[in-house]
Amino acid sequence: MTKQTKYIIVSGGVISGIGKGIIASSTGLLLKTLGLTVTSIKIDPYLNIDAGTLSPLDHGEVFVLDDGGEVDLDLGNYERYLDVTLTRDNNITTGKIYREVIDKERRGDYLGKTVQVVPHITNAIQDWVERVGAMPTSDTGRTPDVCIVELGGTVGDIESAPFIEAMRQFQFRVGHDNFCLIHVSLVPVVGAVGEQKTKPTQASVRDLRGLGLSPDILACRSALPFEEGIREKLSMFCQVSPKQVFSVHDCESLYHVPILLREQGMIDVLTSRLKLNALSISKEIMLEGDTLWTQWREFARRRARDLDATTIAIVGKYTYLADSYISVVKGLEHAALNVKRKINIKWVEASDLEEKTMHKDPLKYHEAWQHLCAADGILVPGGFGERGVEGKVLAAKWAREHNVPYLGICLGMQVAVIEFARNVCGMTDAQSAEFREGCETPAIVFMPEIDRTTMGGTMRLGSRPTKFQDSEVARRSAIKKLYGSVDEVHERHRHRYEVNPEIVKELEGKGMQFVGRDAETGERMEILELDGHAYFVGVQYHPEYLTRPLNPSPPFLGLLLAASGQLEAYLAGEDLVDDAETKLKL
């Protein structure tokens, strides 16, 4: 008999961006602490096939999966919280569903029937959820016990209607004991006296019921914990038990949300509602869950402690929306807390460092340089387009000349190469072909296999192997030691341009060592490290996509160790944490 996966649907009301992703991830984490195998699906109602062509300023970061899928940033939260490896199929969009149905219609699969939203679109949604919900997402290969499905958007949106209807039907397909609905809503604090209002949540639940779905759990977002009587009032008017109404108020950090939910009885409610006690879980797996919870609580405790601060300047072009770099921020947080430091991020808009800003807005120019110069370390993340590139080159130059720890990711590595070629190798007109297509000295070139005309899904995407060079320089490099002195690493990529292999010999002759190259051809530069520098590393891939709270990404770890003056001690094998009970996986 095939195992029946249980489904938890997370919907949202009142406003968008209310925190459905964090509540979905936190719920999944709590189930993992019971020893259950958990997977996740994110439904995005927009018509795009995927998130690959969306601007970070419009929709936040584009997250890349092992299989090359370009997806919503919430899938990054799922992977980080649940420590799973998802696929592009774990992100459903209206575009994907309609394309699948239309392709079937063109093949004649519907045998001449009129193709309609109900039942064809709704059936396609249900089939997709059921298929992906049963796919293993961990190294163990175990079929998931529970699938968390986050329904993007807000209840009542026109574009969400087919998905709401599909979930209404789905509850009967899988059965009452295998379907649970968590509705995330807002309890705003209004007026000078700060009174909490329940009417928006009542209206949202009424809309949801009108569409045929009744919430089993209410997760209410608010700035403050519930006032006296609020839980009972919501219970009465929303027809759920008081113990199924949760206050998800602002915490010290997002890592405290699972603790907050557990303290209010989330595990007991889910166990009762989904009959989780009937599932067979070995003692070994349950012990793994207990260990996970112990580690997570310690990680959250460190986040709340008054640790020494390390300041990192992030020099980018999308700094006005922090969600554009959410995985980079998480990578820094994870690394910092694993080495007992508090991260202090200074956002520096790259174009503010350029000379033209000095004439246009001197105050902004000097403020940007003040942040850069005062930082303990500098990080230049990936990006596209010419705006701000020269500012990033100047940031790399400052880090190199002043021995400031530096991590360049994707474009951040490429600008480090451009700066080094110009100012150390004498190639004064070195530039990237991305910004100057016919430049005389292209330090960065377009990869020959990439499609120049189609934008969506045509980059070098997904997990690719990088091989450390068999040389003395590579063997003694800090970045290889941070990776555990392995010969090969697998990291996720998202780029169209690469370092020009024709200038590599000259760069290495001046001290810029390419210690890691692609394992497929050996001709593509993947990791650079500068000789005689505290920590100057560039990577063509995106290490932020694989960072985990209890297992930080090595390039980020190296940056934080160097910026906090602990790198040499760490590489020498010294313990950074004295209390053995508080050591994380690091």
Protein backbone atom coordinates (compact mmCIF):
# COMPACT_ATOMS: atom_id res chain seq x y z
CA MET A 1 0.00 0.00 0.00
CA THR A 2 1.38 3.42 -1.03
CA LYS A 3 2.02 5.80 1.86
CA GLN A 4 -0.41 8.73 1.97
CA THR A 5 1.39 12.05 2.37
CA LYS A 6 -0.33 14.54 4.68
CA TYR A 7 -0.76 18.11 3.44
CA ILE A 8 -0.64 21.41 5.33
CA ILE A 9 -1.88 24.36 3.28
CA VAL A 10 -0.73 27.84 4.35
CA SER A 11 -2.90 30.68 3.03
CA GLY A 12 -2.78 34.41 3.75
CA GLY A 13 -5.30 37.15 4.29
CA VAL A 14 -5.67 40.93 4.72
CA ILE A 15 -2.29 41.90 3.20
CA SER A 16 0.47 40.30 1.14
CA GLY A 17 3.96 39.82 2.59
CA ILE A 18 2.47 38.87 5.94
CA GLY A 19 4.97 36.11 6.67
CA LYS A 20 3.39 32.95 5.23
CA GLY A 21 6.79 31.66 4.13
CA ILE A 22 8.36 31.88 7.58
CA ILE A 23 5.31 30.31 9.25
CA ALA A 24 5.29 27.51 6.65
CA SER A 25 9.03 26.92 7.16
CA SER A 26 8.72 27.05 10.95
CA THR A 27 5.85 24.57 10.91
CA GLY A 28 7.90 22.22 8.75
CA LEU A 29 10.85 22.52 11.13
CA LEU A 30 8.67 21.61 14.13
CA LEU A 31 7.44 18.51 12.30
CA LYS A 32 11.05 17.57 11.52
CA THR A 33 11.87 17.70 15.22
CA LEU A 34 9.32 14.88 15.64
CA GLY A 35 11.35 12.78 13.21
CA LEU A 36 8.96 13.30 10.29
CA THR A 37 10.16 13.71 6.71
CA VAL A 38 8.92 17.05 5.36
CA THR A 39 8.82 18.65 1.92
CA SER A 40 7.42 21.97 0.67
CA ILE A 41 5.68 23.49 -2.34
CA LYS A 42 5.26 27.20 -3.09
CA ILE A 43 2.38 28.29 -5.31
CA ASP A 44 2.88 31.65 -7.05
CA PRO A 45 -0.23 32.89 -8.89
CA TYR A 46 1.66 35.07 -11.39
CA LEU A 47 1.71 34.18 -15.09
CA ASN A 48 5.50 33.95 -15.37
CA ILE A 49 6.83 30.44 -15.97
CA ASP A 50 9.41 31.04 -13.24
CA ALA A 51 11.07 33.85 -11.30
CA GLY A 52 14.14 34.00 -13.57
CA THR A 53 13.16 37.15 -15.47
CA LEU A 54 11.72 39.05 -12.47
CA SER A 55 13.57 42.10 -11.16
CA PRO A 56 14.91 41.70 -7.60
CA LEU A 57 13.50 45.14 -6.82
CA ASP A 58 10.05 43.94 -7.89
CA HIS A 59 9.89 40.49 -6.35
CA GLY A 60 12.97 40.03 -4.19
CA GLU A 61 15.79 37.56 -4.75
CA VAL A 62 15.68 34.88 -7.42
CA PHE A 63 16.64 31.64 -5.68
CA VAL A 64 18.40 28.91 -7.70
CA LEU A 65 17.99 25.19 -7.02
CA ASP A 66 20.28 22.23 -7.74
CA ASP A 67 18.42 21.39 -10.96
CA GLY A 68 18.77 24.97 -12.22
CA GLY A 69 15.25 26.04 -11.35
CA GLU A 70 14.92 29.81 -10.82
CA VAL A 71 12.28 30.14 -8.12
CA ASP A 72 10.70 32.33 -5.47
CA LEU A 73 12.84 33.29 -2.47
CA ASP A 74 10.50 31.36 -0.13
CA LEU A 75 11.96 28.11 -1.44
CA GLY A 76 15.26 29.33 -0.03
CA ASN A 77 13.59 29.59 3.38
CA TYR A 78 12.26 26.05 3.01
CA GLU A 79 15.67 24.65 2.14
CA ARG A 80 17.38 26.51 4.98
CA TYR A 81 14.83 25.63 7.67
CA LEU A 82 14.14 22.04 6.57
CA ASP A 83 17.62 21.20 5.21
CA VAL A 84 16.13 19.66 2.06
CA THR A 85 17.00 19.83 -1.64
CA LEU A 86 14.01 20.97 -3.69
CA THR A 87 13.44 21.00 -7.45
CA ARG A 88 11.87 23.44 -9.90
CA ASP A 89 8.65 21.41 -9.60
CA ASN A 90 8.36 22.53 -5.97
CA ASN A 91 7.48 25.99 -7.30
CA ILE A 92 4.11 26.07 -9.07
CA THR A 93 3.12 29.14 -11.08
CA THR A 94 0.00 29.95 -13.09
CA GLY A 95 2.26 30.02 -16.16
CA LYS A 96 3.47 26.45 -15.58
CA ILE A 97 -0.05 25.10 -15.00
CA TYR A 98 -1.58 26.80 -18.04
CA ARG A 99 1.35 25.74 -20.24
CA GLU A 100 0.91 22.12 -19.15
CA VAL A 101 -2.85 22.16 -19.83
CA ILE A 102 -2.49 23.92 -23.19
CA ASP A 103 0.25 21.48 -24.27
CA LYS A 104 -2.10 18.59 -23.43
CA GLU A 105 -4.91 20.22 -25.40
CA ARG A 106 -2.64 20.67 -28.44
CA ARG A 107 -1.68 16.97 -28.28
CA GLY A 108 -5.35 16.00 -28.13
CA ASP A 109 -5.15 14.50 -24.64
CA TYR A 110 -8.59 15.86 -23.75
CA LEU A 111 -10.25 14.01 -26.65
CA GLY A 112 -12.16 16.97 -28.02
CA LYS A 113 -13.61 18.17 -24.72
CA THR A 114 -14.00 21.86 -23.93
CA VAL A 115 -10.97 22.75 -21.78
CA GLN A 116 -12.01 24.83 -18.77
CA VAL A 117 -10.62 26.21 -15.52
CA VAL A 118 -12.81 23.68 -13.69
CA PRO A 119 -12.04 20.81 -13.95
CA HIS A 120 -8.94 20.88 -16.16
CA ILE A 121 -6.87 23.63 -14.54
CA THR A 122 -7.91 22.65 -11.00
CA ASN A 123 -7.18 18.97 -11.70
CA ALA A 124 -3.75 19.87 -13.09
CA ILE A 125 -2.98 21.80 -9.88
CA GLN A 126 -4.08 18.90 -7.66
CA ASP A 127 -2.15 16.34 -9.72
CA TRP A 128 0.99 18.50 -9.52
CA VAL A 129 0.73 18.94 -5.74
CA GLU A 130 0.12 15.24 -5.18
CA ARG A 131 2.98 14.18 -7.46
CA VAL A 132 5.56 16.57 -5.99
CA GLY A 133 4.35 15.99 -2.43
CA ALA A 134 5.44 12.36 -2.71
CA MET A 135 8.91 13.10 -4.13
CA PRO A 136 11.89 12.50 -1.77
CA THR A 137 13.84 15.70 -1.02
CA SER A 138 16.61 14.46 1.28
CA ASP A 139 19.66 12.21 0.98
CA THR A 140 17.80 9.46 2.84
CA GLY A 141 15.40 8.97 -0.07
CA ARG A 142 12.45 8.69 2.33
CA THR A 143 9.00 9.56 0.97
CA PRO A 144 7.73 12.70 2.74
CA ASP A 145 5.32 12.21 5.62
CA VAL A 146 4.10 15.81 5.35
CA CYS A 147 4.05 18.34 2.52
CA ILE A 148 3.72 22.05 3.37
CA VAL A 149 1.98 23.97 0.55
CA GLU A 150 2.23 27.76 0.70
CA LEU A 151 -0.45 29.48 -1.34
CA GLY A 152 1.04 32.78 -2.51
CA GLY A 153 -0.92 35.99 -2.69
CA THR A 154 -3.94 36.93 -0.61
CA VAL A 155 -7.32 35.22 -0.31
CA GLY A 156 -9.70 37.06 -2.64
CA ASP A 157 -7.13 37.86 -5.33
CA ILE A 158 -8.44 37.10 -8.83
CA GLU A 159 -5.28 35.27 -9.86
CA SER A 160 -5.44 33.00 -6.78
CA ALA A 161 -8.99 31.80 -7.43
CA PRO A 162 -8.14 28.62 -9.41
CA PHE A 163 -5.66 27.54 -6.72
CA ILE A 164 -8.16 28.15 -3.89
CA GLU A 165 -10.75 26.09 -5.76
CA ALA A 166 -8.18 23.35 -6.42
CA MET A 167 -7.39 23.17 -2.70
CA ARG A 168 -11.12 23.06 -1.88
CA GLN A 169 -11.41 19.96 -4.06
CA PHE A 170 -8.09 18.57 -2.84
CA GLN A 171 -9.26 18.30 0.78
CA PHE A 172 -11.76 15.65 -0.34
CA ARG A 173 -9.28 13.89 -2.61
CA VAL A 174 -6.78 13.20 0.22
CA GLY A 175 -9.26 12.94 3.09
CA HIS A 176 -9.97 14.87 6.28
CA ASP A 177 -7.12 13.34 8.32
CA ASN A 178 -4.56 14.23 5.64
CA PHE A 179 -5.45 17.89 5.08
CA CYS A 180 -4.89 20.84 7.42
CA LEU A 181 -5.28 24.53 6.60
CA ILE A 182 -3.28 27.23 8.39
CA HIS A 183 -4.56 30.72 7.65
CA VAL A 184 -2.11 33.56 8.31
CA SER A 185 -3.81 36.87 8.98
CA LEU A 186 -3.14 40.29 10.47
CA VAL A 187 -4.25 41.64 13.84
CA PRO A 188 -3.28 45.31 13.50
CA VAL A 189 -2.65 47.65 16.41
CA VAL A 190 -4.67 50.79 15.82
CA GLY A 191 -4.94 54.17 17.54
CA ALA A 192 -3.03 56.01 20.20
CA VAL A 193 -3.94 53.45 22.86
CA GLY A 194 -2.62 50.59 20.72
CA GLU A 195 -5.78 48.46 20.65
CA GLN A 196 -5.61 45.20 18.69
CA LYS A 197 -8.34 44.83 16.06
CA THR A 198 -9.77 41.44 15.00
CA LYS A 199 -12.16 42.59 12.25
CA PRO A 200 -9.64 42.22 9.37
CA THR A 201 -9.02 38.60 10.35
CA GLN A 202 -12.73 37.93 10.74
CA ALA A 203 -13.38 39.31 7.24
CA SER A 204 -10.50 37.30 5.77
CA VAL A 205 -11.78 34.03 7.30
CA ARG A 206 -15.30 34.84 6.07
CA ASP A 207 -13.93 35.25 2.52
CA LEU A 208 -12.06 31.96 2.84
CA ARG A 209 -15.15 30.12 4.06
CA GLY A 210 -17.15 31.61 1.19
CA LEU A 211 -14.70 29.92 -1.17
CA GLY A 212 -15.21 26.55 0.50
CA LEU A 213 -12.20 26.32 2.83
CA SER A 214 -12.33 26.43 6.64
CA PRO A 215 -9.12 27.14 8.55
CA ASP A 216 -7.99 24.58 11.11
CA ILE A 217 -5.36 26.92 12.57
CA LEU A 218 -5.18 30.72 12.71
CA ALA A 219 -1.67 32.22 12.79
CA CYS A 220 -2.17 35.88 13.63
CA ARG A 221 0.61 38.35 12.88
CA SER A 222 0.87 41.34 15.16
CA ALA A 223 3.47 43.67 16.57
CA LEU A 224 2.59 42.59 20.13
CA PRO A 225 1.38 39.41 21.87
CA PHE A 226 -2.38 38.94 22.13
CA GLU A 227 -4.14 41.22 24.57
CA GLU A 228 -6.52 39.62 27.04
CA GLY A 229 -9.63 38.29 25.28
CA ILE A 230 -8.31 38.56 21.71
CA ARG A 231 -7.70 34.82 21.31
CA GLU A 232 -11.20 34.02 22.59
CA LYS A 233 -12.78 36.64 20.33
CA LEU A 234 -11.03 35.28 17.24
CA SER A 235 -12.02 31.76 18.24
CA MET A 236 -15.69 32.74 18.58
CA PHE A 237 -16.05 34.65 15.31
CA CYS A 238 -13.74 32.47 13.18
CA GLN A 239 -15.12 29.13 14.43
CA VAL A 240 -11.84 27.59 15.60
CA SER A 241 -10.89 26.39 19.06
CA PRO A 242 -8.91 28.88 21.21
CA LYS A 243 -5.96 26.44 21.31
CA GLN A 244 -5.87 26.63 17.49
CA VAL A 245 -5.38 30.42 17.46
CA PHE A 246 -1.69 31.37 17.57
CA SER A 247 -0.13 34.73 18.28
CA VAL A 248 2.80 35.20 15.90
CA HIS A 249 4.02 38.52 17.24
CA ASP A 250 7.32 40.22 16.43
CA CYS A 251 10.27 38.26 17.86
CA GLU A 252 13.94 38.95 18.47
CA SER A 253 14.64 37.14 15.19
CA LEU A 254 12.91 34.91 12.65
CA TYR A 255 14.76 31.95 14.18
CA HIS A 256 12.57 32.35 17.28
CA VAL A 257 9.30 31.79 15.36
CA PRO A 258 9.46 27.95 15.61
CA ILE A 259 10.08 28.31 19.36
CA LEU A 260 7.14 30.71 19.67
CA LEU A 261 4.79 28.30 17.85
CA ARG A 262 5.96 25.30 19.83
CA GLU A 263 5.46 27.08 23.16
CA GLN A 264 1.83 27.78 22.19
CA GLY A 265 1.16 24.13 21.35
CA MET A 266 1.48 23.95 17.56
CA ILE A 267 2.90 20.41 17.66
CA ASP A 268 0.00 19.14 19.80
CA VAL A 269 -2.59 20.71 17.49
CA LEU A 270 -0.99 19.27 14.33
CA THR A 271 -0.52 15.85 15.94
CA SER A 272 -4.20 15.73 16.86
CA ARG A 273 -5.53 17.16 13.59
CA LEU A 274 -3.43 14.99 11.24
CA LYS A 275 -3.27 11.85 13.42
CA LEU A 276 0.52 12.01 13.39
CA ASN A 277 0.78 9.48 16.22
CA ALA A 278 -0.38 6.81 13.77
CA LEU A 279 2.81 7.26 11.71
CA SER A 280 5.61 4.77 12.27
CA ILE A 281 8.90 6.53 13.14
CA SER A 282 12.04 4.71 14.26
CA LYS A 283 13.76 5.68 17.52
CA GLU A 284 16.89 6.61 15.57
CA ILE A 285 15.00 9.14 13.44
CA MET A 286 13.20 10.52 16.50
CA LEU A 287 16.59 11.03 18.15
CA GLU A 288 17.73 12.98 15.09
CA GLY A 289 14.68 15.22 15.57
CA ASP A 290 15.53 15.81 19.23
CA THR A 291 19.10 16.73 18.30
CA LEU A 292 17.85 19.12 15.63
CA TRP A 293 15.66 20.94 18.15
CA THR A 294 18.50 21.24 20.66
CA GLN A 295 20.76 22.71 17.98
CA TRP A 296 18.06 25.09 16.74
CA ARG A 297 17.32 26.44 20.23
CA GLU A 298 21.01 27.10 20.80
CA PHE A 299 21.28 28.86 17.44
CA ALA A 300 18.28 31.08 18.28
CA ARG A 301 19.70 31.74 21.76
CA ARG A 302 22.94 33.01 20.25
CA ARG A 303 20.96 35.31 17.95
CA ALA A 304 19.42 36.92 21.04
CA ARG A 305 22.66 37.25 23.01
CA ASP A 306 24.79 40.38 23.16
CA LEU A 307 27.73 39.10 21.11
CA ASP A 308 30.65 41.12 19.74
CA ALA A 309 29.62 42.76 16.48
CA THR A 310 31.39 42.34 13.12
CA THR A 311 30.54 44.88 10.43
CA ILE A 312 30.26 43.77 6.80
CA ALA A 313 29.62 46.25 3.96
CA ILE A 314 27.45 44.79 1.19
CA VAL A 315 28.14 46.73 -2.01
CA GLY A 316 25.31 46.15 -4.49
CA LYS A 317 22.83 47.76 -6.86
CA TYR A 318 19.56 46.52 -5.30
CA THR A 319 20.28 47.67 -1.74
CA TYR A 320 17.00 49.60 -1.44
CA LEU A 321 15.21 46.26 -1.01
CA ALA A 322 17.00 43.94 1.42
CA ASP A 323 14.99 40.94 0.11
CA SER A 324 17.02 41.25 -3.10
CA TYR A 325 19.94 39.77 -1.17
CA ILE A 326 18.08 37.71 1.43
CA SER A 327 20.21 34.56 0.95
CA VAL A 328 23.40 36.64 1.22
CA VAL A 329 22.12 38.12 4.48
CA LYS A 330 21.24 34.66 5.79
CA GLY A 331 24.69 33.39 4.77
CA LEU A 332 26.31 36.14 6.84
CA GLU A 333 23.99 35.53 9.80
CA HIS A 334 24.62 31.78 9.79
CA ALA A 335 28.39 32.22 9.60
CA ALA A 336 28.43 34.92 12.29
CA LEU A 337 26.38 32.98 14.84
CA ASN A 338 28.44 29.84 14.28
CA VAL A 339 31.57 31.79 15.26
CA LYS A 340 29.84 33.64 18.13
CA ARG A 341 29.58 37.04 16.49
CA LYS A 342 26.69 39.39 15.80
CA ILE A 343 26.52 40.58 12.20
CA ASN A 344 26.15 44.30 11.51
CA ILE A 345 25.39 44.91 7.82
CA LYS A 346 26.07 48.26 6.19
CA TRP A 347 24.27 48.60 2.86
CA VAL A 348 26.30 50.51 0.28
CA GLU A 349 24.72 51.39 -3.05
CA ALA A 350 27.56 50.72 -5.51
CA SER A 351 26.88 53.76 -7.69
CA ASP A 352 27.26 56.03 -4.62
CA LEU A 353 30.98 55.15 -4.52
CA GLU A 354 31.56 56.48 -8.05
CA GLU A 355 33.09 59.86 -8.79
CA LYS A 356 30.00 61.16 -10.57
CA THR A 357 28.05 60.87 -7.29
CA MET A 358 30.65 63.09 -5.58
CA HIS A 359 29.63 65.92 -7.93
CA LYS A 360 25.93 65.09 -7.97
CA ASP A 361 25.35 64.32 -4.26
CA PRO A 362 28.51 64.79 -2.12
CA LEU A 363 26.75 63.81 1.11
CA LYS A 364 25.66 60.45 -0.26
CA TYR A 365 29.13 59.89 -1.74
CA HIS A 366 30.99 60.52 1.51
CA GLU A 367 28.49 58.50 3.54
CA ALA A 368 28.96 55.50 1.23
CA TRP A 369 32.74 55.69 1.49
CA GLN A 370 32.52 56.10 5.26
CA HIS A 371 30.54 52.87 5.53
CA LEU A 372 32.99 51.06 3.25
CA CYS A 373 36.12 52.27 5.02
CA ALA A 374 34.78 51.50 8.49
CA ALA A 375 33.72 47.93 7.65
CA ASP A 376 35.57 44.88 9.00
CA GLY A 377 34.90 43.07 5.72
CA ILE A 378 33.45 43.73 2.26
CA LEU A 379 31.04 41.57 0.26
CA VAL A 380 30.12 42.25 -3.36
CA PRO A 381 27.20 40.01 -4.41
CA GLY A 382 25.99 39.01 -7.86
CA GLY A 383 24.01 41.26 -10.16
CA PHE A 384 23.25 42.19 -13.75
CA GLY A 385 23.62 45.39 -15.72
CA GLU A 386 26.21 48.17 -15.85
CA ARG A 387 24.83 50.48 -13.17
CA GLY A 388 27.15 50.57 -10.18
CA VAL A 389 29.86 48.33 -11.68
CA GLU A 390 32.62 50.93 -11.35
CA GLY A 391 31.64 51.42 -7.71
CA LYS A 392 32.06 47.70 -7.15
CA VAL A 393 35.47 47.85 -8.83
CA LEU A 394 36.45 50.62 -6.41
CA ALA A 395 35.24 48.49 -3.45
CA ALA A 396 37.40 45.57 -4.60
CA LYS A 397 40.37 47.94 -5.01
CA TRP A 398 39.92 49.30 -1.48
CA ALA A 399 39.76 45.77 -0.02
CA ARG A 400 42.86 44.64 -1.94
CA GLU A 401 45.00 47.67 -1.15
CA HIS A 402 44.02 47.93 2.53
CA ASN A 403 44.07 44.20 3.38
CA VAL A 404 40.34 44.22 4.22
CA PRO A 405 38.67 40.77 4.02
CA TYR A 406 36.74 40.52 0.75
CA LEU A 407 34.25 38.06 -0.72
CA GLY A 408 33.11 38.51 -4.31
CA ILE A 409 30.19 36.41 -5.56
CA CYS A 410 29.58 35.94 -9.29
CA LEU A 411 29.78 39.56 -10.55
CA GLY A 412 31.66 40.33 -7.34
CA MET A 413 34.40 37.95 -8.45
CA GLN A 414 34.38 39.40 -11.96
CA VAL A 415 34.84 43.00 -10.78
CA ALA A 416 37.76 41.83 -8.60
CA VAL A 417 39.36 40.38 -11.76
CA ILE A 418 38.72 43.61 -13.69
CA GLU A 419 40.22 45.72 -10.90
CA PHE A 420 43.29 43.48 -10.60
CA ALA A 421 43.82 43.43 -14.37
CA ARG A 422 43.67 47.23 -14.54
CA ASN A 423 45.70 48.23 -11.51
CA VAL A 424 48.16 45.36 -11.04
CA CYS A 425 48.61 43.85 -14.50
CA GLY A 426 48.60 47.16 -16.38
CA MET A 427 45.54 46.37 -18.54
CA THR A 428 44.13 49.85 -18.00
CA ASP A 429 41.21 49.37 -20.38
CA ALA A 430 40.16 45.96 -18.99
CA GLN A 431 36.39 45.60 -18.93
CA SER A 432 33.61 43.03 -19.10
CA ALA A 433 32.04 42.16 -22.44
CA GLU A 434 28.70 42.40 -20.62
CA PHE A 435 29.12 46.18 -20.41
CA ARG A 436 31.47 46.89 -23.37
CA GLU A 437 30.81 44.30 -26.04
CA GLY A 438 33.67 45.34 -28.31
CA CYS A 439 36.24 46.31 -25.66
CA GLU A 440 39.91 45.78 -26.57
CA THR A 441 40.84 43.98 -23.33
CA PRO A 442 37.90 41.82 -22.23
CA ALA A 443 38.71 40.47 -18.77
CA ILE A 444 35.24 38.92 -18.66
CA VAL A 445 33.73 37.22 -21.73
CA PHE A 446 30.39 35.77 -22.81
CA MET A 447 30.25 32.00 -22.45
CA PRO A 448 30.12 30.42 -25.92
CA GLU A 449 27.33 27.92 -25.17
CA ILE A 450 24.83 30.51 -23.88
CA ASP A 451 21.81 31.65 -25.95
CA ARG A 452 22.19 35.36 -26.72
CA THR A 453 18.56 35.97 -27.70
CA THR A 454 16.32 34.22 -25.13
CA MET A 455 16.38 35.54 -21.55
CA GLY A 456 14.46 33.01 -19.46
CA GLY A 457 16.27 29.89 -18.27
CA THR A 458 19.25 30.23 -20.62
CA MET A 459 22.09 30.97 -18.19
CA ARG A 460 24.53 28.43 -16.76
CA LEU A 461 22.25 27.32 -13.98
CA GLY A 462 22.16 24.86 -11.11
CA SER A 463 24.63 22.69 -9.25
CA ARG A 464 27.99 22.22 -10.99
CA PRO A 465 31.21 20.61 -9.75
CA THR A 466 34.27 22.76 -9.06
CA LYS A 467 37.65 21.03 -8.77
CA PHE A 468 40.49 22.43 -6.70
CA GLN A 469 43.73 22.53 -8.63
CA ASP A 470 46.43 19.98 -7.91
CA SER A 471 49.03 22.57 -6.96
CA GLU A 472 50.86 23.71 -3.86
CA VAL A 473 49.10 27.10 -4.04
CA ALA A 474 45.68 25.43 -4.01
CA ARG A 475 46.59 23.00 -1.25
CA ARG A 476 47.61 25.78 1.15
CA SER A 477 44.75 28.12 0.17
CA ALA A 478 42.40 29.22 2.93
CA ILE A 479 39.27 28.56 0.89
CA LYS A 480 40.19 24.91 0.27
CA LYS A 481 40.83 24.40 3.99
CA LEU A 482 37.48 26.03 4.78
CA TYR A 483 35.85 23.43 2.52
CA GLY A 484 37.52 20.68 4.54
CA SER A 485 40.44 20.17 2.08
CA VAL A 486 38.19 18.21 -0.31
CA ASP A 487 39.18 17.91 -3.96
CA GLU A 488 35.80 18.85 -5.41
CA VAL A 489 32.78 20.89 -4.32
CA HIS A 490 29.30 21.22 -5.79
CA GLU A 491 27.78 24.71 -5.76
CA ARG A 492 24.93 26.44 -7.58
CA HIS A 493 25.52 28.80 -10.51
CA ARG A 494 23.63 31.55 -12.30
CA HIS A 495 25.68 33.43 -14.89
CA ARG A 496 26.27 34.14 -18.59
CA TYR A 497 29.79 35.57 -18.37
CA GLU A 498 33.10 34.15 -17.18
CA VAL A 499 36.74 35.14 -16.65
CA ASN A 500 38.61 35.31 -19.96
CA PRO A 501 40.89 32.23 -19.93
CA GLU A 502 43.40 34.03 -22.18
CA ILE A 503 44.47 36.42 -19.39
CA VAL A 504 44.54 33.89 -16.54
CA LYS A 505 48.27 33.15 -16.82
CA GLU A 506 49.13 36.83 -16.51
CA LEU A 507 46.79 37.31 -13.55
CA GLU A 508 48.25 34.32 -11.73
CA GLY A 509 51.78 35.56 -12.43
CA LYS A 510 50.93 38.71 -10.44
CA GLY A 511 49.41 36.87 -7.47
CA MET A 512 45.73 36.28 -8.27
CA GLN A 513 45.47 32.49 -8.00
CA PHE A 514 42.56 30.58 -9.54
CA VAL A 515 42.60 27.67 -7.11
CA GLY A 516 39.30 26.19 -8.31
CA ARG A 517 38.16 25.50 -11.88
CA ASP A 518 35.16 23.73 -13.36
CA ALA A 519 35.48 19.95 -13.24
CA GLU A 520 34.00 19.51 -16.73
CA THR A 521 36.61 21.34 -18.84
CA GLY A 522 39.16 22.80 -16.41
CA GLU A 523 39.01 26.01 -18.48
CA ARG A 524 36.39 27.91 -16.50
CA MET A 525 37.59 29.91 -13.49
CA GLU A 526 35.47 29.20 -10.42
CA ILE A 527 37.45 30.25 -7.31
CA LEU A 528 40.14 32.90 -6.94
CA GLU A 529 42.26 33.77 -3.94
CA LEU A 530 44.81 36.55 -3.61
CA ASP A 531 48.31 35.80 -2.38
CA GLY A 532 49.43 37.51 0.83
CA HIS A 533 46.02 38.89 1.79
CA ALA A 534 44.04 38.45 5.01
CA TYR A 535 41.16 36.96 3.02
CA PHE A 536 40.45 37.92 -0.58
CA VAL A 537 38.23 35.32 -2.25
CA GLY A 538 36.05 35.40 -5.34
CA VAL A 539 33.68 32.64 -6.44
CA GLN A 540 31.84 32.41 -9.75
CA TYR A 541 29.03 30.40 -8.15
CA HIS A 542 26.50 31.47 -5.50
CA PRO A 543 27.44 29.90 -2.15
CA GLU A 544 24.56 31.70 -0.42
CA TYR A 545 22.09 29.23 -1.95
CA LEU A 546 23.49 26.35 0.12
CA THR A 547 24.00 28.04 3.47
CA ARG A 548 22.17 26.50 6.43
CA PRO A 549 21.67 27.86 9.98
CA LEU A 550 23.56 24.92 11.49
CA ASN A 551 25.95 24.46 8.57
CA PRO A 552 27.23 27.80 7.20
CA SER A 553 28.67 28.20 3.72
CA PRO A 554 32.52 28.02 3.76
CA PRO A 555 33.16 31.26 1.78
CA PHE A 556 30.89 33.20 4.17
CA LEU A 557 32.45 31.48 7.15
CA GLY A 558 35.90 32.52 5.94
CA LEU A 559 34.80 36.14 5.52
CA LEU A 560 33.38 36.31 9.06
CA LEU A 561 36.39 34.54 10.57
CA ALA A 562 38.81 36.90 8.82
CA ALA A 563 36.73 40.01 9.61
CA SER A 564 36.59 39.04 13.30
CA GLY A 565 40.28 38.10 13.51
CA GLN A 566 39.67 34.36 14.03
CA LEU A 567 40.61 32.84 10.66
CA GLU A 568 44.18 31.82 11.48
CA ALA A 569 43.09 30.17 14.73
CA TYR A 570 40.27 28.32 13.00
CA LEU A 571 42.53 27.03 10.19
CA ALA A 572 45.02 25.93 12.84
CA GLY A 573 42.30 23.73 14.34
CA GLU A 574 41.55 25.73 17.49
CA ASP A 575 38.04 25.61 18.99
CA LEU A 576 36.10 28.84 18.64
CA VAL A 577 33.53 27.80 21.26
CA ASP A 578 34.68 26.86 24.76
CA ASP A 579 31.45 25.30 26.04
CA ALA A 580 31.10 21.89 24.40
CA GLU A 581 27.34 21.86 25.05
CA THR A 582 26.79 24.96 22.94
CA LYS A 583 28.78 23.88 19.90
CA LEU A 584 26.79 23.75 16.70
CA LYS A 585 27.60 21.49 13.77
CA LEU A 586 30.61 23.68 12.97
